[in-house]
PDB file of N, CA and C in Angstrom:
ATOM      1  N   MET A   1      10.607  -2.255  -9.577  1.00  0.00           N
ATOM      2  CA  MET A   1       9.647  -2.608  -8.547  1.00  0.00           C
ATOM      3  C   MET A   1       9.725  -1.569  -7.430  1.00  0.00           C
ATOM      4  N   ILE A   2       8.581  -1.199  -6.924  1.00  0.00           N
ATOM      5  CA  ILE A   2       8.491  -0.255  -5.807  1.00  0.00           C
ATOM      6  C   ILE A   2       8.418  -1.081  -4.527  1.00  0.00           C
ATOM      7  N   ARG A   3       9.434  -0.994  -3.675  1.00  0.00           N
ATOM      8  CA  ARG A   3       9.487  -1.830  -2.471  1.00  0.00           C
ATOM      9  C   ARG A   3       8.875  -1.148  -1.247  1.00  0.00           C
ATOM     10  N   PHE A   4       9.000   0.190  -1.140  1.00  0.00           N
ATOM     11  CA  PHE A   4       8.310   0.898  -0.068  1.00  0.00           C
ATOM     12  C   PHE A   4       8.083   2.340  -0.492  1.00  0.00           C
ATOM     13  N   LEU A   5       7.102   2.958   0.156  1.00  0.00           N
ATOM     14  CA  LEU A   5       6.804   4.374  -0.029  1.00  0.00           C
ATOM     15  C   LEU A   5       6.751   5.022   1.351  1.00  0.00           C
ATOM     16  N   GLU A   6       7.266   6.241   1.420  1.00  0.00           N
ATOM     17  CA  GLU A   6       7.201   7.004   2.662  1.00  0.00           C
ATOM     18  C   GLU A   6       6.722   8.401   2.310  1.00  0.00           C
ATOM     19  N   GLY A   7       5.587   8.798   2.877  1.00  0.00           N
ATOM     20  CA  GLY A   7       5.039  10.096   2.554  1.00  0.00           C
ATOM     21  C   GLY A   7       3.827  10.427   3.395  1.00  0.00           C
ATOM     22  N   LYS A   8       3.120  11.489   2.997  1.00  0.00           N
ATOM     23  CA  LYS A   8       1.986  12.000   3.757  1.00  0.00           C
ATOM     24  C   LYS A   8       0.677  11.408   3.236  1.00  0.00           C
ATOM     25  N   VAL A   9      -0.173  10.990   4.165  1.00  0.00           N
ATOM     26  CA  VAL A   9      -1.497  10.464   3.824  1.00  0.00           C
ATOM     27  C   VAL A   9      -2.396  11.647   3.478  1.00  0.00           C
ATOM     28  N   THR A  10      -2.908  11.680   2.234  1.00  0.00           N
ATOM     29  CA  THR A  10      -3.759  12.796   1.824  1.00  0.00           C
ATOM     30  C   THR A  10      -5.229  12.414   1.696  1.00  0.00           C
ATOM     31  N   ASP A  11      -5.522  11.113   1.640  1.00  0.00           N
ATOM     32  CA  ASP A  11      -6.908  10.658   1.554  1.00  0.00           C
ATOM     33  C   ASP A  11      -6.936   9.174   1.908  1.00  0.00           C
ATOM     34  N   ARG A  12      -8.092   8.706   2.334  1.00  0.00           N
ATOM     35  CA  ARG A  12      -8.244   7.277   2.630  1.00  0.00           C
ATOM     36  C   ARG A  12      -9.709   6.906   2.618  1.00  0.00           C
ATOM     37  N   ASP A  13      -9.958   5.643   2.318  1.00  0.00           N
ATOM     38  CA  ASP A  13     -11.299   5.075   2.450  1.00  0.00           C
ATOM     39  C   ASP A  13     -11.124   3.679   3.042  1.00  0.00           C
ATOM     40  N   GLY A  14     -12.115   2.856   2.987  1.00  0.00           N
ATOM     41  CA  GLY A  14     -12.022   1.541   3.625  1.00  0.00           C
ATOM     42  C   GLY A  14     -11.074   0.571   2.964  1.00  0.00           C
ATOM     43  N   LYS A  15     -10.688   0.824   1.709  1.00  0.00           N
ATOM     44  CA  LYS A  15      -9.889  -0.151   0.968  1.00  0.00           C
ATOM     45  C   LYS A  15      -8.517   0.356   0.540  1.00  0.00           C
ATOM     46  N   SER A  16      -8.339   1.664   0.502  1.00  0.00           N
ATOM     47  CA  SER A  16      -7.069   2.198   0.012  1.00  0.00           C
ATOM     48  C   SER A  16      -6.785   3.551   0.638  1.00  0.00           C
ATOM     49  N   LEU A  17      -5.574   4.029   0.388  1.00  0.00           N
ATOM     50  CA  LEU A  17      -5.216   5.369   0.818  1.00  0.00           C
ATOM     51  C   LEU A  17      -4.379   6.013  -0.279  1.00  0.00           C
ATOM     52  N   ILE A  18      -4.332   7.331  -0.248  1.00  0.00           N
ATOM     53  CA  ILE A  18      -3.503   8.087  -1.180  1.00  0.00           C
ATOM     54  C   ILE A  18      -2.311   8.589  -0.391  1.00  0.00           C
ATOM     55  N   LEU A  19      -1.132   8.244  -0.855  1.00  0.00           N
ATOM     56  CA  LEU A  19       0.106   8.629  -0.197  1.00  0.00           C
ATOM     57  C   LEU A  19       0.861   9.584  -1.108  1.00  0.00           C
ATOM     58  N   GLN A  20       1.098  10.808  -0.624  1.00  0.00           N
ATOM     59  CA  GLN A  20       1.820  11.815  -1.398  1.00  0.00           C
ATOM     60  C   GLN A  20       3.311  11.662  -1.135  1.00  0.00           C
ATOM     61  N   VAL A  21       4.038  11.351  -2.209  1.00  0.00           N
ATOM     62  CA  VAL A  21       5.481  11.165  -2.133  1.00  0.00           C
ATOM     63  C   VAL A  21       6.117  12.010  -3.227  1.00  0.00           C
ATOM     64  N   GLY A  22       6.884  13.021  -2.850  1.00  0.00           N
ATOM     65  CA  GLY A  22       7.567  13.845  -3.838  1.00  0.00           C
ATOM     66  C   GLY A  22       6.635  14.504  -4.831  1.00  0.00           C
ATOM     67  N   GLY A  23       5.470  14.946  -4.384  1.00  0.00           N
ATOM     68  CA  GLY A  23       4.524  15.622  -5.261  1.00  0.00           C
ATOM     69  C   GLY A  23       3.663  14.704  -6.107  1.00  0.00           C
ATOM     70  N   ILE A  24       3.786  13.389  -5.905  1.00  0.00           N
ATOM     71  CA  ILE A  24       2.981  12.411  -6.641  1.00  0.00           C
ATOM     72  C   ILE A  24       2.079  11.695  -5.651  1.00  0.00           C
ATOM     73  N   GLY A  25       0.796  11.509  -6.010  1.00  0.00           N
ATOM     74  CA  GLY A  25      -0.147  10.793  -5.155  1.00  0.00           C
ATOM     75  C   GLY A  25      -0.285   9.354  -5.610  1.00  0.00           C
ATOM     76  N   TYR A  26       0.146   8.426  -4.779  1.00  0.00           N
ATOM     77  CA  TYR A  26       0.055   7.002  -5.089  1.00  0.00           C
ATOM     78  C   TYR A  26      -1.156   6.407  -4.387  1.00  0.00           C
ATOM     79  N   GLU A  27      -1.979   5.679  -5.128  1.00  0.00           N
ATOM     80  CA  GLU A  27      -3.065   4.928  -4.498  1.00  0.00           C
ATOM     81  C   GLU A  27      -2.497   3.589  -4.058  1.00  0.00           C
ATOM     82  N   VAL A  28      -2.667   3.292  -2.778  1.00  0.00           N
ATOM     83  CA  VAL A  28      -2.139   2.057  -2.210  1.00  0.00           C
ATOM     84  C   VAL A  28      -3.304   1.290  -1.591  1.00  0.00           C
ATOM     85  N   TRP A  29      -3.527   0.078  -2.083  1.00  0.00           N
ATOM     86  CA  TRP A  29      -4.566  -0.787  -1.534  1.00  0.00           C
ATOM     87  C   TRP A  29      -4.034  -1.408  -0.252  1.00  0.00           C
ATOM     88  N   ALA A  30      -4.899  -1.525   0.758  1.00  0.00           N
ATOM     89  CA  ALA A  30      -4.452  -2.037   2.052  1.00  0.00           C
ATOM     90  C   ALA A  30      -5.621  -2.639   2.814  1.00  0.00           C
ATOM     91  N   THR A  31      -5.289  -3.378   3.847  1.00  0.00           N
ATOM     92  CA  THR A  31      -6.322  -3.943   4.707  1.00  0.00           C
ATOM     93  C   THR A  31      -6.975  -2.816   5.514  1.00  0.00           C
ATOM     94  N   PRO A  32      -8.181  -3.026   6.015  1.00  0.00           N
ATOM     95  CA  PRO A  32      -8.827  -2.004   6.843  1.00  0.00           C
ATOM     96  C   PRO A  32      -7.969  -1.600   8.046  1.00  0.00           C
ATOM     97  N   ASP A  33      -7.211  -2.534   8.599  1.00  0.00           N
ATOM     98  CA  ASP A  33      -6.339  -2.233   9.737  1.00  0.00           C
ATOM     99  C   ASP A  33      -5.258  -1.222   9.350  1.00  0.00           C
ATOM    100  N   VAL A  34      -4.655  -1.401   8.194  1.00  0.00           N
ATOM    101  CA  VAL A  34      -3.619  -0.473   7.731  1.00  0.00           C
ATOM    102  C   VAL A  34      -4.231   0.889   7.431  1.00  0.00           C
ATOM    103  N   VAL A  35      -5.372   0.897   6.752  1.00  0.00           N
ATOM    104  CA  VAL A  35      -6.035   2.170   6.423  1.00  0.00           C
ATOM    105  C   VAL A  35      -6.405   2.921   7.698  1.00  0.00           C
ATOM    106  N   GLU A  36      -6.869   2.200   8.703  1.00  0.00           N
ATOM    107  CA  GLU A  36      -7.243   2.831   9.977  1.00  0.00           C
ATOM    108  C   GLU A  36      -6.036   3.465  10.667  1.00  0.00           C
ATOM    109  N   LYS A  37      -4.875   2.843  10.572  1.00  0.00           N
ATOM    110  CA  LYS A  37      -3.665   3.373  11.198  1.00  0.00           C
ATOM    111  C   LYS A  37      -3.083   4.563  10.439  1.00  0.00           C
ATOM    112  N   ALA A  38      -3.490   4.741   9.195  1.00  0.00           N
ATOM    113  CA  ALA A  38      -2.983   5.843   8.367  1.00  0.00           C
ATOM    114  C   ALA A  38      -3.761   7.116   8.709  1.00  0.00           C
ATOM    115  N   ILE A  39      -3.139   8.042   9.385  1.00  0.00           N
ATOM    116  CA  ILE A  39      -3.783   9.275   9.841  1.00  0.00           C
ATOM    117  C   ILE A  39      -3.591  10.362   8.789  1.00  0.00           C
ATOM    118  N   LEU A  40      -4.697  11.012   8.414  1.00  0.00           N
ATOM    119  CA  LEU A  40      -4.631  12.080   7.414  1.00  0.00           C
ATOM    120  C   LEU A  40      -3.607  13.144   7.798  1.00  0.00           C
ATOM    121  N   SER A  41      -2.850  13.596   6.817  1.00  0.00           N
ATOM    122  CA  SER A  41      -1.819  14.629   6.956  1.00  0.00           C
ATOM    123  C   SER A  41      -0.592  14.180   7.742  1.00  0.00           C
ATOM    124  N   GLN A  42      -0.525  12.919   8.107  1.00  0.00           N
ATOM    125  CA  GLN A  42       0.629  12.386   8.832  1.00  0.00           C
ATOM    126  C   GLN A  42       1.517  11.572   7.888  1.00  0.00           C
ATOM    127  N   GLU A  43       2.796  11.494   8.222  1.00  0.00           N
ATOM    128  CA  GLU A  43       3.745  10.684   7.454  1.00  0.00           C
ATOM    129  C   GLU A  43       3.584   9.214   7.839  1.00  0.00           C
ATOM    130  N   ILE A  44       3.749   8.336   6.839  1.00  0.00           N
ATOM    131  CA  ILE A  44       3.702   6.897   7.081  1.00  0.00           C
ATOM    132  C   ILE A  44       4.639   6.221   6.084  1.00  0.00           C
ATOM    133  N   LYS A  45       5.197   5.105   6.499  1.00  0.00           N
ATOM    134  CA  LYS A  45       6.015   4.284   5.601  1.00  0.00           C
ATOM    135  C   LYS A  45       5.278   2.976   5.387  1.00  0.00           C
ATOM    136  N   LEU A  46       5.093   2.611   4.125  1.00  0.00           N
ATOM    137  CA  LEU A  46       4.441   1.352   3.787  1.00  0.00           C
ATOM    138  C   LEU A  46       5.362   0.508   2.911  1.00  0.00           C
ATOM    139  N   TRP A  47       5.541  -0.732   3.290  1.00  0.00           N
ATOM    140  CA  TRP A  47       6.211  -1.705   2.447  1.00  0.00           C
ATOM    141  C   TRP A  47       5.209  -2.098   1.373  1.00  0.00           C
ATOM    142  N   THR A  48       5.633  -2.165   0.129  1.00  0.00           N
ATOM    143  CA  THR A  48       4.673  -2.351  -0.954  1.00  0.00           C
ATOM    144  C   THR A  48       4.975  -3.554  -1.836  1.00  0.00           C
ATOM    145  N   SER A  49       3.906  -4.090  -2.360  1.00  0.00           N
ATOM    146  CA  SER A  49       3.971  -5.092  -3.417  1.00  0.00           C
ATOM    147  C   SER A  49       3.384  -4.437  -4.657  1.00  0.00           C
ATOM    148  N   HIS A  50       4.171  -4.343  -5.713  1.00  0.00           N
ATOM    149  CA  HIS A  50       3.770  -3.684  -6.955  1.00  0.00           C
ATOM    150  C   HIS A  50       3.387  -4.779  -7.943  1.00  0.00           C
ATOM    151  N   ILE A  51       2.093  -4.885  -8.232  1.00  0.00           N
ATOM    152  CA  ILE A  51       1.575  -5.926  -9.115  1.00  0.00           C
ATOM    153  C   ILE A  51       1.244  -5.308 -10.467  1.00  0.00           C
ATOM    154  N   VAL A  52       1.862  -5.828 -11.529  1.00  0.00           N
ATOM    155  CA  VAL A  52       1.622  -5.344 -12.886  1.00  0.00           C
ATOM    156  C   VAL A  52       0.924  -6.448 -13.661  1.00  0.00           C
ATOM    157  N   ARG A  53      -0.232  -6.099 -14.208  1.00  0.00           N
ATOM    158  CA  ARG A  53      -0.997  -7.032 -15.039  1.00  0.00           C
ATOM    159  C   ARG A  53      -1.246  -6.383 -16.388  1.00  0.00           C
ATOM    160  N   GLU A  54      -1.831  -7.122 -17.273  1.00  0.00           N
ATOM    161  CA  GLU A  54      -2.086  -6.624 -18.623  1.00  0.00           C
ATOM    162  C   GLU A  54      -2.910  -5.342 -18.627  1.00  0.00           C
ATOM    163  N   ASP A  55      -3.894  -5.250 -17.750  1.00  0.00           N
ATOM    164  CA  ASP A  55      -4.819  -4.118 -17.771  1.00  0.00           C
ATOM    165  C   ASP A  55      -4.742  -3.200 -16.553  1.00  0.00           C
ATOM    166  N   THR A  56      -3.806  -3.448 -15.632  1.00  0.00           N
ATOM    167  CA  THR A  56      -3.741  -2.617 -14.427  1.00  0.00           C
ATOM    168  C   THR A  56      -2.380  -2.722 -13.739  1.00  0.00           C
ATOM    169  N   GLU A  57      -2.084  -1.731 -12.926  1.00  0.00           N
ATOM    170  CA  GLU A  57      -0.945  -1.768 -12.012  1.00  0.00           C
ATOM    171  C   GLU A  57      -1.478  -1.404 -10.640  1.00  0.00           C
ATOM    172  N   ASP A  58      -1.173  -2.202  -9.648  1.00  0.00           N
ATOM    173  CA  ASP A  58      -1.670  -1.964  -8.300  1.00  0.00           C
ATOM    174  C   ASP A  58      -0.528  -1.997  -7.298  1.00  0.00           C
ATOM    175  N   LEU A  59      -0.650  -1.161  -6.276  1.00  0.00           N
ATOM    176  CA  LEU A  59       0.260  -1.176  -5.139  1.00  0.00           C
ATOM    177  C   LEU A  59      -0.517  -1.651  -3.919  1.00  0.00           C
ATOM    178  N   TYR A  60       0.026  -2.627  -3.207  1.00  0.00           N
ATOM    179  CA  TYR A  60      -0.559  -3.109  -1.963  1.00  0.00           C
ATOM    180  C   TYR A  60       0.405  -2.746  -0.848  1.00  0.00           C
ATOM    181  N   GLY A  61      -0.113  -2.127   0.220  1.00  0.00           N
ATOM    182  CA  GLY A  61       0.754  -1.609   1.262  1.00  0.00           C
ATOM    183  C   GLY A  61       0.613  -2.324   2.592  1.00  0.00           C
ATOM    184  N   PHE A  62       1.750  -2.432   3.290  1.00  0.00           N
ATOM    185  CA  PHE A  62       1.829  -3.113   4.578  1.00  0.00           C
ATOM    186  C   PHE A  62       2.696  -2.297   5.519  1.00  0.00           C
ATOM    187  N   ILE A  63       2.305  -2.218   6.767  1.00  0.00           N
ATOM    188  CA  ILE A  63       3.093  -1.471   7.748  1.00  0.00           C
ATOM    189  C   ILE A  63       4.330  -2.269   8.149  1.00  0.00           C
ATOM    190  N   GLU A  64       4.184  -3.549   8.313  1.00  0.00           N
ATOM    191  CA  GLU A  64       5.300  -4.410   8.730  1.00  0.00           C
ATOM    192  C   GLU A  64       5.901  -5.129   7.530  1.00  0.00           C
ATOM    193  N   LYS A  65       7.210  -5.169   7.463  1.00  0.00           N
ATOM    194  CA  LYS A  65       7.893  -5.871   6.371  1.00  0.00           C
ATOM    195  C   LYS A  65       7.560  -7.360   6.384  1.00  0.00           C
ATOM    196  N   SER A  66       7.359  -7.920   7.555  1.00  0.00           N
ATOM    197  CA  SER A  66       7.016  -9.340   7.644  1.00  0.00           C
ATOM    198  C   SER A  66       5.677  -9.641   6.973  1.00  0.00           C
ATOM    199  N   ASP A  67       4.742  -8.687   7.004  1.00  0.00           N
ATOM    200  CA  ASP A  67       3.464  -8.877   6.314  1.00  0.00           C
ATOM    201  C   ASP A  67       3.670  -8.888   4.804  1.00  0.00           C
ATOM    202  N   LEU A  68       4.578  -8.059   4.326  1.00  0.00           N
ATOM    203  CA  LEU A  68       4.907  -8.041   2.904  1.00  0.00           C
ATOM    204  C   LEU A  68       5.516  -9.371   2.485  1.00  0.00           C
ATOM    205  N   THR A  69       6.356  -9.939   3.309  1.00  0.00           N
ATOM    206  CA  THR A  69       6.987 -11.222   3.012  1.00  0.00           C
ATOM    207  C   THR A  69       5.939 -12.331   2.929  1.00  0.00           C
ATOM    208  N   PHE A  70       4.905 -12.246   3.746  1.00  0.00           N
ATOM    209  CA  PHE A  70       3.843 -13.253   3.789  1.00  0.00           C
ATOM    210  C   PHE A  70       2.863 -13.114   2.622  1.00  0.00           C
ATOM    211  N   TRP A  71       2.736 -11.921   2.051  1.00  0.00           N
ATOM    212  CA  TRP A  71       1.761 -11.609   1.004  1.00  0.00           C
ATOM    213  C   TRP A  71       1.813 -12.559  -0.198  1.00  0.00           C
ATOM    214  N   PRO A  72       2.979 -12.861  -0.780  1.00  0.00           N
ATOM    215  CA  PRO A  72       2.989 -13.755  -1.947  1.00  0.00           C
ATOM    216  C   PRO A  72       2.417 -15.137  -1.650  1.00  0.00           C
ATOM    217  N   LEU A  73       2.563 -15.594  -0.432  1.00  0.00           N
ATOM    218  CA  LEU A  73       2.005 -16.894  -0.048  1.00  0.00           C
ATOM    219  C   LEU A  73       0.484 -16.858  -0.105  1.00  0.00           C
ATOM    220  N   LEU A  74      -0.102 -15.755   0.355  1.00  0.00           N
ATOM    221  CA  LEU A  74      -1.554 -15.616   0.327  1.00  0.00           C
ATOM    222  C   LEU A  74      -2.079 -15.439  -1.095  1.00  0.00           C
ATOM    223  N   SER A  75      -1.436 -14.564  -1.859  1.00  0.00           N
ATOM    224  CA  SER A  75      -1.933 -14.266  -3.202  1.00  0.00           C
ATOM    225  C   SER A  75      -1.767 -15.459  -4.133  1.00  0.00           C
ATOM    226  N   SER A  76      -0.735 -16.283  -3.969  1.00  0.00           N
ATOM    227  CA  SER A  76      -0.561 -17.436  -4.852  1.00  0.00           C
ATOM    228  C   SER A  76      -1.513 -18.560  -4.466  1.00  0.00           C
ATOM    229  N   SER A  77      -1.860 -18.678  -3.189  1.00  0.00           N
ATOM    230  CA  SER A  77      -2.785 -19.730  -2.765  1.00  0.00           C
ATOM    231  C   SER A  77      -4.229 -19.403  -3.158  1.00  0.00           C
ATOM    232  N   ALA A  78      -4.495 -18.148  -3.472  1.00  0.00           N
ATOM    233  CA  ALA A  78      -5.853 -17.742  -3.845  1.00  0.00           C
ATOM    234  C   ALA A  78      -6.176 -18.116  -5.289  1.00  0.00           C
ATOM    235  N   LYS A  79      -5.190 -18.509  -6.057  1.00  0.00           N
ATOM    236  CA  LYS A  79      -5.409 -18.818  -7.489  1.00  0.00           C
ATOM    237  C   LYS A  79      -6.019 -20.169  -7.694  1.00  0.00           C
TER     238      LYS A  79
END
């Protein structure tokens, strides 16, 4: 499981950002607030939730660890 990533923001849109870590670009899905705080070419640390499903793997990123802790409560209640 990937618990956090720390690297340079190389791209972003309204729903995700690309974080370059050790020469690898990770797509991290995030809220608009997190994407807005991610400044291009700047370093950022994101706490992550790594979701593996039959047909996809997704990373969801959070600036605060407390938001990551709250995430499973939201995602399980949405089912």
